[in-house]
């Protein structure tokens, strides 16, 4: 028997449910099995992965002295680093390397929280005498664009 949720409806480990993902998996012939509520041992690998990501993100946040409100950038950078770390289950390939079948260029990896002088184009400067560079802190990669995020 599935225990009811607070609103009276039964739930089945719904934190990973996404209609687009479900449609894609069904299209590939993959059957979905959801875990029972409050039965964390049924979803051990996912729970452990989330714990690892959150602990590494917390370390990044503390090391760089970011406010806790900036936690999402730490999590994004942590996942990025995990995807670029060789793992034994892929014969010491990086997950991104296994996906794209090309060895990625590691020279573009940046140290989270490092300082960098960022060029300010004319359009964003206050006037002609305003500085052309500003010291900012690196907080991650921008998804879908060849660029970085700074604060």
N, C-alpha and C. Protein backbone atom coordinates (compact mmCIF):
# COMPACT_ATOMS: atom_id res chain seq x y z
N UNK A 1 0.84 -1.20 0.00
CA UNK A 1 0.00 0.00 0.00
C UNK A 1 0.88 1.25 0.00
N UNK A 2 0.50 2.22 -0.80
CA UNK A 2 1.24 3.47 -0.89
C UNK A 2 0.67 4.45 0.12
N UNK A 3 1.51 4.95 1.03
CA UNK A 3 1.00 5.92 2.00
C UNK A 3 0.63 7.24 1.33
N UNK A 4 -0.42 7.89 1.79
CA UNK A 4 -0.85 9.15 1.17
C UNK A 4 0.10 10.29 1.51
N UNK A 5 0.14 11.27 0.63
CA UNK A 5 0.92 12.47 0.89
C UNK A 5 0.12 13.40 1.79
N UNK A 6 0.66 14.55 2.08
CA UNK A 6 -0.01 15.50 2.97
C UNK A 6 -1.35 15.97 2.42
N UNK A 7 -1.47 16.03 1.07
CA UNK A 7 -2.72 16.48 0.48
C UNK A 7 -3.70 15.33 0.23
N UNK A 8 -3.33 14.11 0.69
CA UNK A 8 -4.24 12.98 0.57
C UNK A 8 -4.04 12.13 -0.66
N UNK A 9 -3.23 12.58 -1.62
CA UNK A 9 -2.99 11.83 -2.84
C UNK A 9 -1.76 10.95 -2.64
N UNK A 10 -1.72 9.80 -3.33
CA UNK A 10 -0.53 8.95 -3.21
C UNK A 10 0.52 9.44 -4.21
N UNK A 11 1.77 9.39 -3.78
CA UNK A 11 2.88 9.82 -4.63
C UNK A 11 3.90 8.70 -4.71
N UNK A 12 4.72 8.75 -5.76
CA UNK A 12 5.71 7.70 -5.94
C UNK A 12 7.05 8.31 -6.32
N UNK A 13 7.76 8.90 -5.38
CA UNK A 13 9.08 9.45 -5.66
C UNK A 13 9.07 10.37 -6.85
N UNK A 14 8.24 11.37 -6.86
CA UNK A 14 8.01 12.19 -8.04
C UNK A 14 9.02 13.27 -8.33
N UNK A 15 10.11 13.35 -7.59
CA UNK A 15 11.06 14.44 -7.83
C UNK A 15 11.78 14.32 -9.17
N UNK A 16 11.75 13.13 -9.79
CA UNK A 16 12.43 12.95 -11.06
C UNK A 16 11.46 12.86 -12.23
N UNK A 17 10.20 13.18 -12.02
CA UNK A 17 9.20 13.08 -13.09
C UNK A 17 9.21 14.35 -13.92
N UNK A 18 9.32 14.18 -15.23
CA UNK A 18 9.31 15.28 -16.19
C UNK A 18 8.66 14.74 -17.45
N UNK A 19 7.63 15.38 -17.94
CA UNK A 19 6.86 14.84 -19.07
C UNK A 19 7.71 14.70 -20.34
N UNK A 20 8.61 15.65 -20.60
CA UNK A 20 9.48 15.54 -21.78
C UNK A 20 10.41 14.34 -21.67
N UNK A 21 10.98 14.16 -20.47
CA UNK A 21 11.86 13.02 -20.24
C UNK A 21 11.11 11.72 -20.38
N UNK A 22 9.91 11.65 -19.79
CA UNK A 22 9.10 10.43 -19.87
C UNK A 22 8.77 10.09 -21.32
N UNK A 23 8.39 11.09 -22.13
CA UNK A 23 8.07 10.85 -23.54
C UNK A 23 9.28 10.34 -24.30
N UNK A 24 10.44 10.95 -24.03
CA UNK A 24 11.67 10.52 -24.70
C UNK A 24 12.02 9.08 -24.35
N UNK A 25 11.95 8.76 -23.06
CA UNK A 25 12.29 7.40 -22.63
C UNK A 25 11.31 6.38 -23.19
N UNK A 26 10.03 6.71 -23.19
CA UNK A 26 9.03 5.79 -23.76
C UNK A 26 9.26 5.60 -25.25
N UNK A 27 9.65 6.67 -25.94
CA UNK A 27 9.95 6.58 -27.36
C UNK A 27 11.14 5.67 -27.64
N UNK A 28 12.05 5.58 -26.69
CA UNK A 28 13.21 4.70 -26.83
C UNK A 28 12.93 3.28 -26.31
N UNK A 29 11.70 3.05 -25.84
CA UNK A 29 11.33 1.73 -25.35
C UNK A 29 11.82 1.45 -23.94
N UNK A 30 12.13 2.50 -23.18
CA UNK A 30 12.61 2.33 -21.80
C UNK A 30 11.43 2.40 -20.85
N UNK A 31 11.28 1.39 -20.02
CA UNK A 31 10.19 1.34 -19.05
C UNK A 31 10.60 2.09 -17.78
N UNK A 32 9.70 2.89 -17.26
CA UNK A 32 9.97 3.70 -16.08
C UNK A 32 9.41 2.99 -14.85
N UNK A 33 10.24 2.88 -13.81
CA UNK A 33 9.78 2.36 -12.52
C UNK A 33 10.06 3.43 -11.48
N UNK A 34 9.02 3.90 -10.84
CA UNK A 34 9.17 4.93 -9.83
C UNK A 34 9.33 4.27 -8.46
N UNK A 35 10.06 4.94 -7.59
CA UNK A 35 10.24 4.41 -6.24
C UNK A 35 9.05 4.79 -5.36
N UNK A 36 8.88 4.03 -4.30
CA UNK A 36 7.80 4.29 -3.35
C UNK A 36 8.18 5.48 -2.48
N UNK A 37 7.19 6.23 -1.99
CA UNK A 37 7.49 7.37 -1.12
C UNK A 37 8.14 6.89 0.18
N UNK A 38 9.10 7.64 0.64
CA UNK A 38 9.80 7.41 1.90
C UNK A 38 10.59 6.10 1.91
N UNK A 39 10.87 5.54 0.75
CA UNK A 39 11.68 4.31 0.63
C UNK A 39 12.97 4.68 -0.10
N UNK A 40 13.82 5.43 0.56
CA UNK A 40 15.01 5.98 -0.07
C UNK A 40 15.96 4.90 -0.59
N UNK A 41 15.94 3.74 0.02
CA UNK A 41 16.84 2.67 -0.41
C UNK A 41 16.50 2.19 -1.83
N UNK A 42 15.29 2.44 -2.32
CA UNK A 42 14.92 2.06 -3.67
C UNK A 42 15.57 2.96 -4.72
N UNK A 43 16.02 4.09 -4.29
CA UNK A 43 16.58 5.08 -5.21
C UNK A 43 17.98 5.47 -4.75
N UNK A 44 18.73 4.49 -4.28
CA UNK A 44 20.02 4.74 -3.64
C UNK A 44 21.04 5.45 -4.50
N UNK A 45 21.18 5.05 -5.76
CA UNK A 45 22.19 5.68 -6.61
C UNK A 45 21.90 7.16 -6.85
N UNK A 46 20.64 7.48 -7.12
CA UNK A 46 20.28 8.87 -7.35
C UNK A 46 20.46 9.69 -6.08
N UNK A 47 20.05 9.14 -4.94
CA UNK A 47 20.19 9.87 -3.67
C UNK A 47 21.66 10.11 -3.36
N UNK A 48 22.51 9.12 -3.62
CA UNK A 48 23.94 9.26 -3.35
C UNK A 48 24.56 10.30 -4.29
N UNK A 49 24.15 10.28 -5.55
CA UNK A 49 24.68 11.25 -6.51
C UNK A 49 24.30 12.68 -6.09
N UNK A 50 23.06 12.86 -5.66
CA UNK A 50 22.60 14.18 -5.22
C UNK A 50 23.38 14.62 -3.99
N UNK A 51 23.61 13.69 -3.07
CA UNK A 51 24.36 14.03 -1.85
C UNK A 51 25.79 14.46 -2.22
N UNK A 52 26.43 13.72 -3.12
CA UNK A 52 27.79 14.05 -3.55
C UNK A 52 27.83 15.43 -4.19
N UNK A 53 26.87 15.71 -5.07
CA UNK A 53 26.82 17.01 -5.74
C UNK A 53 26.64 18.13 -4.72
N UNK A 54 25.73 17.95 -3.79
CA UNK A 54 25.45 19.00 -2.80
C UNK A 54 26.64 19.23 -1.87
N UNK A 55 27.34 18.16 -1.48
CA UNK A 55 28.51 18.32 -0.61
C UNK A 55 29.64 19.05 -1.33
N UNK A 56 29.87 18.71 -2.59
CA UNK A 56 30.91 19.39 -3.36
C UNK A 56 30.54 20.85 -3.59
N UNK A 57 29.27 21.10 -3.87
CA UNK A 57 28.80 22.48 -4.08
C UNK A 57 28.96 23.29 -2.80
N UNK A 58 28.68 22.68 -1.66
CA UNK A 58 28.83 23.36 -0.38
C UNK A 58 30.30 23.72 -0.15
N UNK A 59 31.20 22.81 -0.49
CA UNK A 59 32.64 23.10 -0.35
C UNK A 59 33.04 24.28 -1.23
N UNK A 60 32.54 24.31 -2.47
CA UNK A 60 32.84 25.43 -3.36
C UNK A 60 32.33 26.74 -2.77
N UNK A 61 31.12 26.71 -2.26
CA UNK A 61 30.48 27.91 -1.70
C UNK A 61 31.30 28.44 -0.52
N UNK A 62 31.74 27.53 0.37
CA UNK A 62 32.54 27.95 1.53
C UNK A 62 33.92 28.42 1.12
N UNK A 63 34.55 27.73 0.17
CA UNK A 63 35.91 28.07 -0.24
C UNK A 63 35.98 29.46 -0.88
N UNK A 64 34.93 29.84 -1.58
CA UNK A 64 34.91 31.11 -2.29
C UNK A 64 34.24 32.20 -1.46
N UNK A 65 33.65 31.83 -0.33
CA UNK A 65 32.94 32.76 0.56
C UNK A 65 31.74 33.41 -0.14
N UNK A 66 31.00 32.60 -0.91
CA UNK A 66 29.79 33.09 -1.55
C UNK A 66 28.64 33.05 -0.56
N UNK A 67 27.68 33.92 -0.77
CA UNK A 67 26.46 33.87 0.02
C UNK A 67 25.69 32.60 -0.34
N UNK A 68 24.91 32.07 0.59
CA UNK A 68 24.15 30.86 0.31
C UNK A 68 23.12 31.06 -0.79
N UNK A 69 22.74 32.29 -1.04
CA UNK A 69 21.77 32.56 -2.11
C UNK A 69 22.37 32.30 -3.50
N UNK A 70 23.67 32.11 -3.59
CA UNK A 70 24.35 31.84 -4.86
C UNK A 70 24.62 30.35 -5.04
N UNK A 71 23.96 29.49 -4.27
CA UNK A 71 24.23 28.05 -4.27
C UNK A 71 24.04 27.43 -5.65
N UNK A 72 23.13 27.94 -6.47
CA UNK A 72 22.86 27.32 -7.78
C UNK A 72 24.09 27.35 -8.68
N UNK A 73 24.92 28.38 -8.59
CA UNK A 73 26.13 28.44 -9.40
C UNK A 73 27.14 27.40 -8.95
N UNK A 74 27.20 27.18 -7.65
CA UNK A 74 28.09 26.14 -7.11
C UNK A 74 27.64 24.76 -7.58
N UNK A 75 26.35 24.50 -7.57
CA UNK A 75 25.82 23.21 -8.02
C UNK A 75 26.08 23.02 -9.51
N UNK A 76 25.82 24.04 -10.31
CA UNK A 76 26.06 23.95 -11.75
C UNK A 76 27.53 23.66 -12.05
N UNK A 77 28.43 24.35 -11.36
CA UNK A 77 29.86 24.13 -11.60
C UNK A 77 30.27 22.73 -11.14
N UNK A 78 29.72 22.27 -10.03
CA UNK A 78 30.02 20.92 -9.54
C UNK A 78 29.61 19.86 -10.56
N UNK A 79 28.42 19.97 -11.10
CA UNK A 79 27.95 19.00 -12.10
C UNK A 79 28.82 19.07 -13.35
N UNK A 80 29.21 20.28 -13.73
CA UNK A 80 30.09 20.45 -14.88
C UNK A 80 31.41 19.71 -14.65
N UNK A 81 31.98 19.88 -13.46
CA UNK A 81 33.25 19.20 -13.15
C UNK A 81 33.09 17.69 -13.11
N UNK A 82 31.98 17.20 -12.58
CA UNK A 82 31.73 15.76 -12.54
C UNK A 82 31.66 15.20 -13.95
N UNK A 83 31.02 15.93 -14.86
CA UNK A 83 30.93 15.48 -16.25
C UNK A 83 32.28 15.48 -16.96
N UNK A 84 33.25 16.19 -16.42
CA UNK A 84 34.58 16.27 -17.01
C UNK A 84 35.61 15.46 -16.22
N UNK A 85 35.15 14.59 -15.31
CA UNK A 85 36.04 13.77 -14.51
C UNK A 85 35.99 12.32 -15.00
N UNK A 86 37.15 11.72 -15.31
CA UNK A 86 37.14 10.32 -15.76
C UNK A 86 36.59 9.39 -14.67
N UNK A 87 35.80 8.39 -15.10
CA UNK A 87 35.24 7.45 -14.13
C UNK A 87 35.52 6.01 -14.58
N UNK A 88 35.63 5.13 -13.61
CA UNK A 88 36.02 3.75 -13.87
C UNK A 88 34.97 3.01 -14.69
N UNK A 89 33.69 3.29 -14.50
CA UNK A 89 32.62 2.58 -15.22
C UNK A 89 32.62 2.87 -16.71
N UNK A 90 33.31 3.93 -17.12
CA UNK A 90 33.42 4.25 -18.54
C UNK A 90 34.84 4.01 -19.04
N UNK A 91 35.54 3.07 -18.41
CA UNK A 91 36.93 2.74 -18.75
C UNK A 91 37.82 3.99 -18.69
N UNK A 92 37.64 4.77 -17.64
CA UNK A 92 38.39 5.99 -17.38
C UNK A 92 38.22 7.04 -18.46
N UNK A 93 37.05 7.05 -19.07
CA UNK A 93 36.68 8.15 -19.96
C UNK A 93 35.86 9.15 -19.16
N UNK A 94 35.81 10.39 -19.64
CA UNK A 94 34.94 11.39 -19.03
C UNK A 94 33.53 11.18 -19.57
N UNK A 95 32.48 11.40 -18.76
CA UNK A 95 31.13 11.26 -19.28
C UNK A 95 30.89 12.09 -20.54
N UNK A 96 31.41 13.30 -20.59
CA UNK A 96 31.24 14.15 -21.77
C UNK A 96 31.99 13.55 -22.96
N UNK A 97 33.13 12.93 -22.71
CA UNK A 97 33.91 12.29 -23.77
C UNK A 97 33.17 11.07 -24.31
N UNK A 98 32.54 10.31 -23.42
CA UNK A 98 31.77 9.15 -23.82
C UNK A 98 30.56 9.55 -24.66
N UNK A 99 29.99 10.70 -24.36
CA UNK A 99 28.81 11.18 -25.07
C UNK A 99 29.14 11.71 -26.46
N UNK A 100 30.17 12.55 -26.57
CA UNK A 100 30.47 13.20 -27.85
C UNK A 100 31.54 12.46 -28.66
N UNK A 101 32.14 11.43 -28.07
CA UNK A 101 33.15 10.59 -28.75
C UNK A 101 34.40 11.35 -29.17
N UNK A 102 34.68 12.47 -28.52
CA UNK A 102 35.87 13.27 -28.79
C UNK A 102 36.48 13.67 -27.45
N UNK A 103 37.80 13.59 -27.33
CA UNK A 103 38.45 14.01 -26.09
C UNK A 103 38.34 15.53 -25.96
N UNK A 104 37.70 16.02 -24.89
CA UNK A 104 37.51 17.46 -24.75
C UNK A 104 38.80 18.20 -24.38
N UNK A 105 38.81 19.48 -24.68
CA UNK A 105 39.94 20.34 -24.38
C UNK A 105 39.84 20.82 -22.93
N UNK A 106 40.75 20.36 -22.08
CA UNK A 106 40.70 20.71 -20.66
C UNK A 106 41.32 22.07 -20.36
N UNK A 107 41.90 22.70 -21.35
CA UNK A 107 42.54 23.99 -21.11
C UNK A 107 41.53 25.09 -20.79
N UNK A 108 40.26 24.86 -21.09
CA UNK A 108 39.25 25.88 -20.84
C UNK A 108 38.62 25.77 -19.45
N UNK A 109 39.04 24.79 -18.64
CA UNK A 109 38.53 24.68 -17.28
C UNK A 109 39.04 25.85 -16.45
N UNK A 110 38.17 26.43 -15.64
CA UNK A 110 38.54 27.56 -14.81
C UNK A 110 38.39 27.21 -13.33
N UNK A 111 39.12 27.90 -12.50
CA UNK A 111 39.04 27.71 -11.05
C UNK A 111 37.86 28.51 -10.53
N UNK A 112 36.91 27.82 -9.89
CA UNK A 112 35.71 28.47 -9.37
C UNK A 112 36.11 29.51 -8.33
N UNK A 113 35.58 30.71 -8.48
CA UNK A 113 35.84 31.78 -7.52
C UNK A 113 37.08 32.60 -7.80
N UNK A 114 37.80 32.31 -8.89
CA UNK A 114 39.01 33.09 -9.18
C UNK A 114 38.62 34.48 -9.68
N UNK A 115 39.52 35.40 -9.50
CA UNK A 115 39.29 36.76 -9.96
C UNK A 115 39.76 36.92 -11.40
N UNK A 116 39.10 37.79 -12.13
CA UNK A 116 39.49 38.06 -13.51
C UNK A 116 39.05 39.48 -13.87
N UNK A 117 39.85 40.13 -14.69
CA UNK A 117 39.48 41.44 -15.20
C UNK A 117 38.66 41.24 -16.46
N UNK A 118 37.44 41.76 -16.44
CA UNK A 118 36.49 41.59 -17.53
C UNK A 118 36.41 42.89 -18.33
N UNK A 119 36.53 42.77 -19.65
CA UNK A 119 36.43 43.93 -20.53
C UNK A 119 34.99 44.42 -20.58
N UNK A 120 34.81 45.71 -20.44
CA UNK A 120 33.49 46.34 -20.52
C UNK A 120 33.37 47.07 -21.85
N UNK A 121 32.46 46.64 -22.74
CA UNK A 121 32.30 47.33 -24.02
C UNK A 121 31.80 48.77 -23.82
N UNK A 122 31.97 49.61 -24.82
CA UNK A 122 31.56 51.02 -24.74
C UNK A 122 30.10 51.17 -24.34
N UNK A 123 29.27 50.25 -24.82
CA UNK A 123 27.82 50.35 -24.58
C UNK A 123 27.45 50.27 -23.10
N UNK A 124 28.25 49.60 -22.28
CA UNK A 124 27.89 49.44 -20.87
C UNK A 124 28.66 50.37 -19.93
N UNK A 125 29.63 51.11 -20.47
CA UNK A 125 30.38 52.05 -19.64
C UNK A 125 29.56 53.31 -19.40
N UNK A 126 29.75 53.91 -18.24
CA UNK A 126 29.00 55.12 -17.87
C UNK A 126 29.35 56.30 -18.77
N UNK A 127 30.64 56.46 -19.08
CA UNK A 127 31.08 57.56 -19.94
C UNK A 127 32.46 57.23 -20.51
N UNK A 128 33.07 58.17 -21.21
CA UNK A 128 34.37 57.92 -21.84
C UNK A 128 35.49 57.73 -20.84
N UNK A 129 35.34 58.29 -19.64
CA UNK A 129 36.39 58.19 -18.64
C UNK A 129 36.23 56.97 -17.72
N UNK A 130 35.15 56.24 -17.89
CA UNK A 130 34.91 55.06 -17.04
C UNK A 130 35.93 53.96 -17.38
N UNK A 131 36.29 53.12 -16.41
CA UNK A 131 37.27 52.06 -16.66
C UNK A 131 36.79 51.10 -17.75
N UNK A 132 37.76 50.57 -18.50
CA UNK A 132 37.46 49.60 -19.55
C UNK A 132 37.43 48.18 -19.00
N UNK A 133 37.96 47.98 -17.82
CA UNK A 133 38.01 46.65 -17.18
C UNK A 133 37.42 46.73 -15.79
N UNK A 134 36.88 45.60 -15.33
CA UNK A 134 36.36 45.52 -13.97
C UNK A 134 36.75 44.18 -13.38
N UNK A 135 37.22 44.18 -12.14
CA UNK A 135 37.59 42.94 -11.46
C UNK A 135 36.32 42.22 -11.00
N UNK A 136 36.15 40.98 -11.45
CA UNK A 136 34.97 40.19 -11.10
C UNK A 136 35.39 38.80 -10.64
N UNK A 137 34.45 38.05 -10.10
CA UNK A 137 34.69 36.69 -9.62
C UNK A 137 34.01 35.70 -10.55
N UNK A 138 34.77 34.69 -10.96
CA UNK A 138 34.23 33.64 -11.84
C UNK A 138 33.29 32.74 -11.06
N UNK A 139 32.05 32.53 -11.58
CA UNK A 139 31.08 31.68 -10.89
C UNK A 139 30.50 30.59 -11.79
N UNK A 140 31.12 30.30 -12.92
CA UNK A 140 30.67 29.16 -13.71
C UNK A 140 30.60 29.43 -15.20
N UNK A 141 30.16 28.37 -15.88
CA UNK A 141 30.04 28.41 -17.34
C UNK A 141 28.62 28.77 -17.73
N UNK A 142 28.48 29.44 -18.84
CA UNK A 142 27.17 29.79 -19.38
C UNK A 142 26.74 28.68 -20.34
N UNK A 143 25.61 28.05 -20.05
CA UNK A 143 25.12 26.94 -20.86
C UNK A 143 24.66 27.42 -22.23
N UNK A 144 25.06 26.69 -23.27
CA UNK A 144 24.61 27.00 -24.62
C UNK A 144 25.37 28.11 -25.31
N UNK A 145 26.36 28.68 -24.64
CA UNK A 145 27.13 29.78 -25.20
C UNK A 145 28.60 29.53 -24.86
N UNK A 146 29.49 29.98 -25.72
CA UNK A 146 30.91 29.87 -25.39
C UNK A 146 31.26 31.09 -24.55
N UNK A 147 31.08 30.95 -23.26
CA UNK A 147 31.32 32.07 -22.36
C UNK A 147 31.29 31.63 -20.92
N UNK A 148 31.55 32.57 -20.04
CA UNK A 148 31.62 32.30 -18.60
C UNK A 148 30.69 33.25 -17.87
N UNK A 149 30.42 32.92 -16.61
CA UNK A 149 29.62 33.78 -15.75
C UNK A 149 30.54 34.42 -14.71
N UNK A 150 30.35 35.72 -14.51
CA UNK A 150 31.11 36.45 -13.49
C UNK A 150 30.14 37.29 -12.67
N UNK A 151 30.53 37.53 -11.42
CA UNK A 151 29.74 38.45 -10.59
C UNK A 151 30.64 39.54 -10.09
